[in-house]
Amino acid sequence: MHNSPDEVLNNAGIKPTPNRILVIRSLLAAESPLSLVELEKDLQTLDRSSISRVLALLLEHGAVHAMEDGKGITKYEICHCDHHCSAADMHVHFYCEKCEKVFCFEDINAPCIKLPDEFLVSSVNYMLKGICPDCRKNSQ
């Protein structure tokens, strides 16, 4: 696990800048993956285009993962590998259809699918959908 924005950036070979540190800090503090809109609300000192540029750089260097939540919105989370993650390093996510929260199951790897050799997988989005324990409890 990375403890600081500087560690995340250094491990990805990215020069720390104030904007990059702010975005990484926000992602590290989050309990679940964040969308661009959520980052924008959290980082009121940065505009959307600045956040987008930082996210694009972080994605390019493998410092963050992009995944689609259960509603088709792209969300971002820190890659906790010390190297570039492969498809085999991706973990399972769960989308609650009631409270719309995304849960990360970092200890459960997404299954590896054997494709023909001419295909190269660059990312995996393994999303399960249903009702989380809290919402199940509250509806009984």
N, C-alpha and C. Protein backbone atom coordinates (compact mmCIF):
# COMPACT_ATOMS: atom_id res chain seq x y z
N MET A 1 0.84 -1.19 0.00
CA MET A 1 0.00 0.00 0.00
C MET A 1 0.88 1.25 0.00
N HIS A 2 0.42 2.26 -0.71
CA HIS A 2 1.13 3.53 -0.72
C HIS A 2 0.58 4.39 0.41
N ASN A 3 1.48 5.06 1.09
CA ASN A 3 1.07 5.89 2.22
C ASN A 3 0.97 7.37 1.87
N SER A 4 1.66 7.79 0.82
CA SER A 4 1.69 9.22 0.53
C SER A 4 1.58 9.47 -0.97
N PRO A 5 1.12 10.65 -1.33
CA PRO A 5 1.07 11.02 -2.75
C PRO A 5 2.45 10.96 -3.41
N ASP A 6 3.49 11.39 -2.67
CA ASP A 6 4.85 11.35 -3.23
C ASP A 6 5.27 9.93 -3.59
N GLU A 7 4.93 8.94 -2.74
CA GLU A 7 5.25 7.55 -3.04
C GLU A 7 4.57 7.07 -4.32
N VAL A 8 3.28 7.40 -4.45
CA VAL A 8 2.53 7.00 -5.64
C VAL A 8 3.18 7.58 -6.89
N LEU A 9 3.46 8.87 -6.85
CA LEU A 9 4.04 9.54 -8.01
C LEU A 9 5.45 9.04 -8.31
N ASN A 10 6.28 8.89 -7.28
CA ASN A 10 7.64 8.40 -7.49
C ASN A 10 7.65 6.99 -8.06
N ASN A 11 6.80 6.12 -7.54
CA ASN A 11 6.74 4.74 -8.04
C ASN A 11 6.29 4.69 -9.50
N ALA A 12 5.50 5.67 -9.93
CA ALA A 12 5.03 5.72 -11.31
C ALA A 12 5.98 6.50 -12.22
N GLY A 13 7.04 7.07 -11.64
CA GLY A 13 7.99 7.85 -12.42
C GLY A 13 7.44 9.20 -12.85
N ILE A 14 6.57 9.78 -12.02
CA ILE A 14 5.94 11.06 -12.33
C ILE A 14 6.47 12.11 -11.36
N LYS A 15 6.85 13.26 -11.89
CA LYS A 15 7.33 14.37 -11.06
C LYS A 15 6.18 14.92 -10.21
N PRO A 16 6.37 15.03 -8.90
CA PRO A 16 5.32 15.61 -8.05
C PRO A 16 5.12 17.09 -8.36
N THR A 17 3.87 17.49 -8.52
CA THR A 17 3.48 18.89 -8.64
C THR A 17 2.31 19.09 -7.69
N PRO A 18 2.01 20.34 -7.34
CA PRO A 18 0.89 20.56 -6.41
C PRO A 18 -0.43 19.94 -6.89
N ASN A 19 -0.77 20.09 -8.17
CA ASN A 19 -2.03 19.52 -8.67
C ASN A 19 -2.05 18.01 -8.58
N ARG A 20 -0.95 17.38 -8.96
CA ARG A 20 -0.87 15.91 -8.92
C ARG A 20 -0.98 15.42 -7.48
N ILE A 21 -0.32 16.09 -6.57
CA ILE A 21 -0.37 15.71 -5.16
C ILE A 21 -1.79 15.83 -4.63
N LEU A 22 -2.49 16.91 -4.98
CA LEU A 22 -3.87 17.09 -4.52
C LEU A 22 -4.79 15.97 -5.02
N VAL A 23 -4.67 15.61 -6.30
CA VAL A 23 -5.52 14.55 -6.86
C VAL A 23 -5.21 13.22 -6.20
N ILE A 24 -3.92 12.88 -6.07
CA ILE A 24 -3.53 11.62 -5.44
C ILE A 24 -4.00 11.59 -3.98
N ARG A 25 -3.84 12.68 -3.27
CA ARG A 25 -4.26 12.74 -1.86
C ARG A 25 -5.75 12.45 -1.74
N SER A 26 -6.54 13.03 -2.63
CA SER A 26 -7.98 12.81 -2.62
C SER A 26 -8.32 11.35 -2.90
N LEU A 27 -7.65 10.75 -3.88
CA LEU A 27 -7.90 9.35 -4.22
C LEU A 27 -7.47 8.42 -3.08
N LEU A 28 -6.35 8.73 -2.44
CA LEU A 28 -5.88 7.91 -1.32
C LEU A 28 -6.85 7.97 -0.13
N ALA A 29 -7.45 9.13 0.09
CA ALA A 29 -8.36 9.30 1.23
C ALA A 29 -9.74 8.70 0.99
N ALA A 30 -10.07 8.44 -0.26
CA ALA A 30 -11.41 7.96 -0.60
C ALA A 30 -11.63 6.52 -0.15
N GLU A 31 -12.85 6.24 0.26
CA GLU A 31 -13.21 4.88 0.66
C GLU A 31 -13.55 4.01 -0.53
N SER A 32 -13.85 4.63 -1.67
CA SER A 32 -14.17 3.90 -2.89
C SER A 32 -13.72 4.74 -4.08
N PRO A 33 -13.71 4.17 -5.28
CA PRO A 33 -13.28 4.93 -6.46
C PRO A 33 -14.08 6.22 -6.64
N LEU A 34 -13.42 7.26 -7.17
CA LEU A 34 -14.05 8.56 -7.35
C LEU A 34 -14.18 8.92 -8.82
N SER A 35 -15.27 9.58 -9.17
CA SER A 35 -15.48 10.08 -10.53
C SER A 35 -14.82 11.45 -10.67
N LEU A 36 -14.74 11.94 -11.88
CA LEU A 36 -14.21 13.28 -12.14
C LEU A 36 -15.05 14.33 -11.40
N VAL A 37 -16.36 14.18 -11.42
CA VAL A 37 -17.25 15.13 -10.73
C VAL A 37 -17.01 15.10 -9.22
N GLU A 38 -16.84 13.90 -8.67
CA GLU A 38 -16.57 13.79 -7.23
C GLU A 38 -15.22 14.41 -6.87
N LEU A 39 -14.22 14.20 -7.71
CA LEU A 39 -12.91 14.82 -7.48
C LEU A 39 -13.02 16.34 -7.57
N GLU A 40 -13.79 16.82 -8.53
CA GLU A 40 -13.97 18.26 -8.69
C GLU A 40 -14.62 18.88 -7.45
N LYS A 41 -15.60 18.20 -6.87
CA LYS A 41 -16.25 18.69 -5.64
C LYS A 41 -15.27 18.69 -4.47
N ASP A 42 -14.45 17.63 -4.42
CA ASP A 42 -13.48 17.49 -3.33
C ASP A 42 -12.34 18.49 -3.46
N LEU A 43 -11.93 18.77 -4.69
CA LEU A 43 -10.78 19.64 -4.96
C LEU A 43 -11.27 20.96 -5.55
N GLN A 44 -11.91 21.76 -4.77
CA GLN A 44 -12.52 22.99 -5.27
C GLN A 44 -11.51 24.01 -5.76
N THR A 45 -10.24 23.82 -5.43
CA THR A 45 -9.22 24.75 -5.91
C THR A 45 -8.74 24.41 -7.33
N LEU A 46 -9.12 23.23 -7.84
CA LEU A 46 -8.72 22.82 -9.19
C LEU A 46 -9.94 22.77 -10.11
N ASP A 47 -9.75 23.19 -11.35
CA ASP A 47 -10.85 23.09 -12.31
C ASP A 47 -10.86 21.70 -12.96
N ARG A 48 -11.95 21.39 -13.63
CA ARG A 48 -12.15 20.07 -14.23
C ARG A 48 -11.04 19.71 -15.21
N SER A 49 -10.62 20.67 -16.04
CA SER A 49 -9.60 20.36 -17.05
C SER A 49 -8.25 20.03 -16.39
N SER A 50 -7.92 20.70 -15.30
CA SER A 50 -6.68 20.39 -14.58
C SER A 50 -6.73 18.99 -13.99
N ILE A 51 -7.86 18.64 -13.39
CA ILE A 51 -8.03 17.31 -12.82
C ILE A 51 -7.96 16.26 -13.92
N SER A 52 -8.61 16.52 -15.05
CA SER A 52 -8.60 15.59 -16.19
C SER A 52 -7.18 15.34 -16.70
N ARG A 53 -6.39 16.41 -16.81
CA ARG A 53 -5.01 16.27 -17.27
C ARG A 53 -4.20 15.40 -16.31
N VAL A 54 -4.38 15.62 -15.00
CA VAL A 54 -3.67 14.82 -14.00
C VAL A 54 -4.10 13.36 -14.10
N LEU A 55 -5.40 13.11 -14.20
CA LEU A 55 -5.90 11.73 -14.30
C LEU A 55 -5.36 11.03 -15.55
N ALA A 56 -5.32 11.74 -16.67
CA ALA A 56 -4.80 11.16 -17.92
C ALA A 56 -3.33 10.76 -17.74
N LEU A 57 -2.54 11.60 -17.10
CA LEU A 57 -1.13 11.29 -16.86
C LEU A 57 -0.99 10.10 -15.91
N LEU A 58 -1.79 10.09 -14.84
CA LEU A 58 -1.74 8.99 -13.88
C LEU A 58 -2.14 7.67 -14.52
N LEU A 59 -3.15 7.70 -15.39
CA LEU A 59 -3.56 6.50 -16.12
C LEU A 59 -2.46 6.02 -17.05
N GLU A 60 -1.86 6.94 -17.77
CA GLU A 60 -0.80 6.61 -18.73
C GLU A 60 0.38 5.92 -18.04
N HIS A 61 0.67 6.33 -16.81
CA HIS A 61 1.80 5.78 -16.06
C HIS A 61 1.40 4.62 -15.14
N GLY A 62 0.14 4.23 -15.16
CA GLY A 62 -0.30 3.10 -14.35
C GLY A 62 -0.43 3.38 -12.87
N ALA A 63 -0.49 4.66 -12.49
CA ALA A 63 -0.62 5.01 -11.07
C ALA A 63 -2.05 4.88 -10.58
N VAL A 64 -3.02 4.96 -11.50
CA VAL A 64 -4.43 4.79 -11.15
C VAL A 64 -5.08 3.80 -12.12
N HIS A 65 -6.18 3.24 -11.67
CA HIS A 65 -7.04 2.40 -12.51
C HIS A 65 -8.29 3.21 -12.82
N ALA A 66 -8.81 3.04 -14.01
CA ALA A 66 -10.12 3.60 -14.35
C ALA A 66 -11.08 2.42 -14.45
N MET A 67 -12.25 2.58 -13.89
CA MET A 67 -13.26 1.54 -13.98
C MET A 67 -14.61 2.19 -14.15
N GLU A 68 -15.51 1.47 -14.75
CA GLU A 68 -16.86 1.97 -14.94
C GLU A 68 -17.71 1.50 -13.77
N ASP A 69 -18.40 2.44 -13.13
CA ASP A 69 -19.27 2.03 -12.02
C ASP A 69 -20.56 1.44 -12.58
N GLY A 70 -21.46 1.09 -11.75
CA GLY A 70 -22.69 0.44 -12.18
C GLY A 70 -23.63 1.30 -12.99
N LYS A 71 -23.36 2.62 -13.08
CA LYS A 71 -24.23 3.52 -13.84
C LYS A 71 -23.55 4.03 -15.11
N GLY A 72 -22.39 3.47 -15.47
CA GLY A 72 -21.70 3.89 -16.68
C GLY A 72 -20.80 5.10 -16.49
N ILE A 73 -20.51 5.47 -15.26
CA ILE A 73 -19.63 6.61 -14.97
C ILE A 73 -18.22 6.08 -14.70
N THR A 74 -17.22 6.71 -15.30
CA THR A 74 -15.83 6.31 -15.06
C THR A 74 -15.40 6.81 -13.70
N LYS A 75 -14.81 5.90 -12.93
CA LYS A 75 -14.28 6.23 -11.61
C LYS A 75 -12.82 5.82 -11.56
N TYR A 76 -12.09 6.44 -10.66
CA TYR A 76 -10.64 6.26 -10.58
C TYR A 76 -10.24 5.84 -9.17
N GLU A 77 -9.22 4.98 -9.11
CA GLU A 77 -8.67 4.58 -7.82
C GLU A 77 -7.17 4.36 -7.98
N ILE A 78 -6.46 4.46 -6.88
CA ILE A 78 -5.01 4.29 -6.87
C ILE A 78 -4.67 2.83 -7.16
N CYS A 79 -3.65 2.62 -7.97
CA CYS A 79 -3.09 1.28 -8.19
C CYS A 79 -2.14 1.03 -7.04
N HIS A 80 -2.35 -0.03 -6.30
CA HIS A 80 -1.52 -0.30 -5.12
C HIS A 80 -0.36 -1.25 -5.41
N CYS A 81 -0.09 -1.53 -6.68
CA CYS A 81 1.08 -2.34 -7.04
C CYS A 81 2.29 -1.42 -7.09
N ASP A 82 3.45 -1.98 -6.84
CA ASP A 82 4.68 -1.19 -6.93
C ASP A 82 5.23 -1.18 -8.35
N HIS A 83 4.53 -1.83 -9.25
CA HIS A 83 4.90 -1.89 -10.66
C HIS A 83 3.63 -1.65 -11.46
N HIS A 84 3.74 -1.61 -12.77
CA HIS A 84 2.52 -1.45 -13.56
C HIS A 84 1.65 -2.68 -13.41
N CYS A 85 0.40 -2.48 -13.11
CA CYS A 85 -0.52 -3.59 -12.91
C CYS A 85 -0.88 -4.22 -14.25
N SER A 86 -1.01 -5.52 -14.21
CA SER A 86 -1.50 -6.24 -15.39
C SER A 86 -2.97 -6.54 -15.16
N ALA A 87 -3.61 -7.08 -16.17
CA ALA A 87 -5.02 -7.45 -16.04
C ALA A 87 -5.22 -8.43 -14.88
N ALA A 88 -4.23 -9.28 -14.63
CA ALA A 88 -4.32 -10.27 -13.55
C ALA A 88 -4.29 -9.63 -12.17
N ASP A 89 -3.82 -8.38 -12.07
CA ASP A 89 -3.76 -7.69 -10.77
C ASP A 89 -5.05 -6.95 -10.43
N MET A 90 -5.99 -6.88 -11.36
CA MET A 90 -7.22 -6.13 -11.14
C MET A 90 -8.12 -6.86 -10.15
N HIS A 91 -8.84 -6.08 -9.36
CA HIS A 91 -9.70 -6.70 -8.35
C HIS A 91 -11.18 -6.48 -8.67
N VAL A 92 -12.00 -7.15 -7.89
CA VAL A 92 -13.45 -7.15 -8.08
C VAL A 92 -14.06 -5.92 -7.40
N HIS A 93 -15.09 -5.35 -8.04
CA HIS A 93 -15.87 -4.25 -7.48
C HIS A 93 -17.33 -4.69 -7.38
N PHE A 94 -18.05 -4.06 -6.47
CA PHE A 94 -19.48 -4.35 -6.29
C PHE A 94 -20.22 -3.03 -6.27
N TYR A 95 -21.28 -2.94 -7.07
CA TYR A 95 -22.12 -1.75 -7.16
C TYR A 95 -23.46 -2.05 -6.50
N CYS A 96 -23.81 -1.27 -5.46
CA CYS A 96 -25.11 -1.45 -4.81
C CYS A 96 -26.16 -0.68 -5.61
N GLU A 97 -27.14 -1.39 -6.08
CA GLU A 97 -28.20 -0.80 -6.91
C GLU A 97 -29.16 0.07 -6.09
N LYS A 98 -29.06 -0.02 -4.77
CA LYS A 98 -29.95 0.78 -3.92
C LYS A 98 -29.28 2.09 -3.49
N CYS A 99 -28.11 2.01 -2.86
CA CYS A 99 -27.43 3.23 -2.38
C CYS A 99 -26.43 3.79 -3.40
N GLU A 100 -26.19 3.04 -4.46
CA GLU A 100 -25.31 3.43 -5.58
C GLU A 100 -23.85 3.59 -5.17
N LYS A 101 -23.44 2.96 -4.09
CA LYS A 101 -22.04 3.00 -3.65
C LYS A 101 -21.27 1.89 -4.35
N VAL A 102 -20.00 2.16 -4.65
CA VAL A 102 -19.11 1.16 -5.23
C VAL A 102 -18.18 0.66 -4.14
N PHE A 103 -18.09 -0.65 -3.99
CA PHE A 103 -17.21 -1.28 -3.00
C PHE A 103 -16.05 -1.94 -3.73
N CYS A 104 -14.85 -1.82 -3.16
CA CYS A 104 -13.66 -2.48 -3.71
C CYS A 104 -13.36 -3.73 -2.89
N PHE A 105 -13.15 -4.81 -3.57
CA PHE A 105 -12.70 -6.04 -2.92
C PHE A 105 -11.28 -6.31 -3.40
N GLU A 106 -10.32 -5.58 -2.79
CA GLU A 106 -8.94 -5.63 -3.24
C GLU A 106 -8.30 -7.01 -3.04
N ASP A 107 -8.86 -7.81 -2.15
CA ASP A 107 -8.30 -9.14 -1.90
C ASP A 107 -8.89 -10.21 -2.83
N ILE A 108 -9.82 -9.81 -3.71
CA ILE A 108 -10.43 -10.76 -4.64
C ILE A 108 -10.04 -10.33 -6.06
N ASN A 109 -9.15 -11.08 -6.68
CA ASN A 109 -8.72 -10.75 -8.04
C ASN A 109 -9.82 -11.04 -9.04
N ALA A 110 -9.90 -10.19 -10.06
CA ALA A 110 -10.80 -10.45 -11.18
C ALA A 110 -10.31 -11.72 -11.87
N PRO A 111 -11.22 -12.57 -12.32
CA PRO A 111 -10.78 -13.80 -12.98
C PRO A 111 -10.04 -13.51 -14.28
N CYS A 112 -9.02 -14.32 -14.57
CA CYS A 112 -8.28 -14.20 -15.83
C CYS A 112 -8.99 -15.03 -16.89
N ILE A 113 -9.22 -14.43 -18.01
CA ILE A 113 -9.87 -15.09 -19.13
C ILE A 113 -8.81 -15.32 -20.20
N LYS A 114 -8.70 -16.53 -20.67
CA LYS A 114 -7.72 -16.86 -21.72
C LYS A 114 -8.32 -16.49 -23.07
N LEU A 115 -7.70 -15.50 -23.72
CA LEU A 115 -8.11 -15.06 -25.04
C LEU A 115 -7.10 -15.59 -26.07
N PRO A 116 -7.48 -15.60 -27.34
CA PRO A 116 -6.50 -15.97 -28.36
C PRO A 116 -5.26 -15.08 -28.25
N ASP A 117 -4.10 -15.61 -28.62
CA ASP A 117 -2.81 -14.93 -28.44
C ASP A 117 -2.72 -13.57 -29.10
N GLU A 118 -3.47 -13.35 -30.18
CA GLU A 118 -3.35 -12.07 -30.87
C GLU A 118 -4.06 -10.92 -30.14
N PHE A 119 -4.76 -11.19 -29.04
CA PHE A 119 -5.44 -10.16 -28.26
C PHE A 119 -4.57 -9.78 -27.06
N LEU A 120 -4.45 -8.48 -26.82
CA LEU A 120 -3.69 -7.97 -25.67
C LEU A 120 -4.64 -7.18 -24.78
N VAL A 121 -4.87 -7.66 -23.57
CA VAL A 121 -5.76 -7.01 -22.61
C VAL A 121 -5.00 -5.91 -21.87
N SER A 122 -5.56 -4.71 -21.85
CA SER A 122 -4.91 -3.61 -21.14
C SER A 122 -5.60 -3.27 -19.82
N SER A 123 -6.86 -3.62 -19.67
CA SER A 123 -7.55 -3.38 -18.41
C SER A 123 -8.73 -4.33 -18.28
N VAL A 124 -9.17 -4.47 -17.05
CA VAL A 124 -10.32 -5.32 -16.74
C VAL A 124 -11.25 -4.53 -15.84
N ASN A 125 -12.54 -4.58 -16.14
CA ASN A 125 -13.54 -3.94 -15.30
C ASN A 125 -14.50 -5.04 -14.85
N TYR A 126 -14.27 -5.57 -13.67
CA TYR A 126 -15.07 -6.66 -13.15
C TYR A 126 -16.00 -6.11 -12.08
N MET A 127 -17.25 -5.86 -12.46
CA MET A 127 -18.23 -5.23 -11.60
C MET A 127 -19.39 -6.18 -11.34
N LEU A 128 -19.63 -6.45 -10.08
CA LEU A 128 -20.81 -7.21 -9.68
C LEU A 128 -21.86 -6.20 -9.22
N LYS A 129 -23.13 -6.48 -9.46
CA LYS A 129 -24.20 -5.57 -9.05
C LYS A 129 -25.19 -6.31 -8.17
N GLY A 130 -25.74 -5.60 -7.22
CA GLY A 130 -26.73 -6.18 -6.33
C GLY A 130 -27.04 -5.20 -5.21
N ILE A 131 -27.30 -5.75 -4.02
CA ILE A 131 -27.65 -4.94 -2.86
C ILE A 131 -26.60 -5.20 -1.77
N CYS A 132 -26.05 -4.11 -1.21
CA CYS A 132 -25.02 -4.24 -0.17
C CYS A 132 -25.66 -4.68 1.16
N PRO A 133 -24.84 -5.14 2.11
CA PRO A 133 -25.39 -5.59 3.41
C PRO A 133 -26.19 -4.53 4.14
N ASP A 134 -25.72 -3.27 4.16
CA ASP A 134 -26.46 -2.21 4.86
C ASP A 134 -27.84 -2.00 4.27
N CYS A 135 -27.91 -1.95 2.92
CA CYS A 135 -29.21 -1.75 2.27
C CYS A 135 -30.13 -2.95 2.47
N ARG A 136 -29.56 -4.15 2.51
CA ARG A 136 -30.37 -5.35 2.77
C ARG A 136 -30.96 -5.29 4.17
N LYS A 137 -30.11 -4.88 5.14
CA LYS A 137 -30.56 -4.77 6.53
C LYS A 137 -31.67 -3.72 6.67
N ASN A 138 -31.48 -2.58 6.02
CA ASN A 138 -32.45 -1.47 6.13
C ASN A 138 -33.77 -1.75 5.45
N SER A 139 -33.81 -2.71 4.54
CA SER A 139 -35.06 -2.98 3.82
C SER A 139 -35.86 -4.11 4.48
N GLN A 140 -35.33 -4.69 5.55
CA GLN A 140 -36.04 -5.78 6.21
C GLN A 140 -36.91 -5.29 7.33
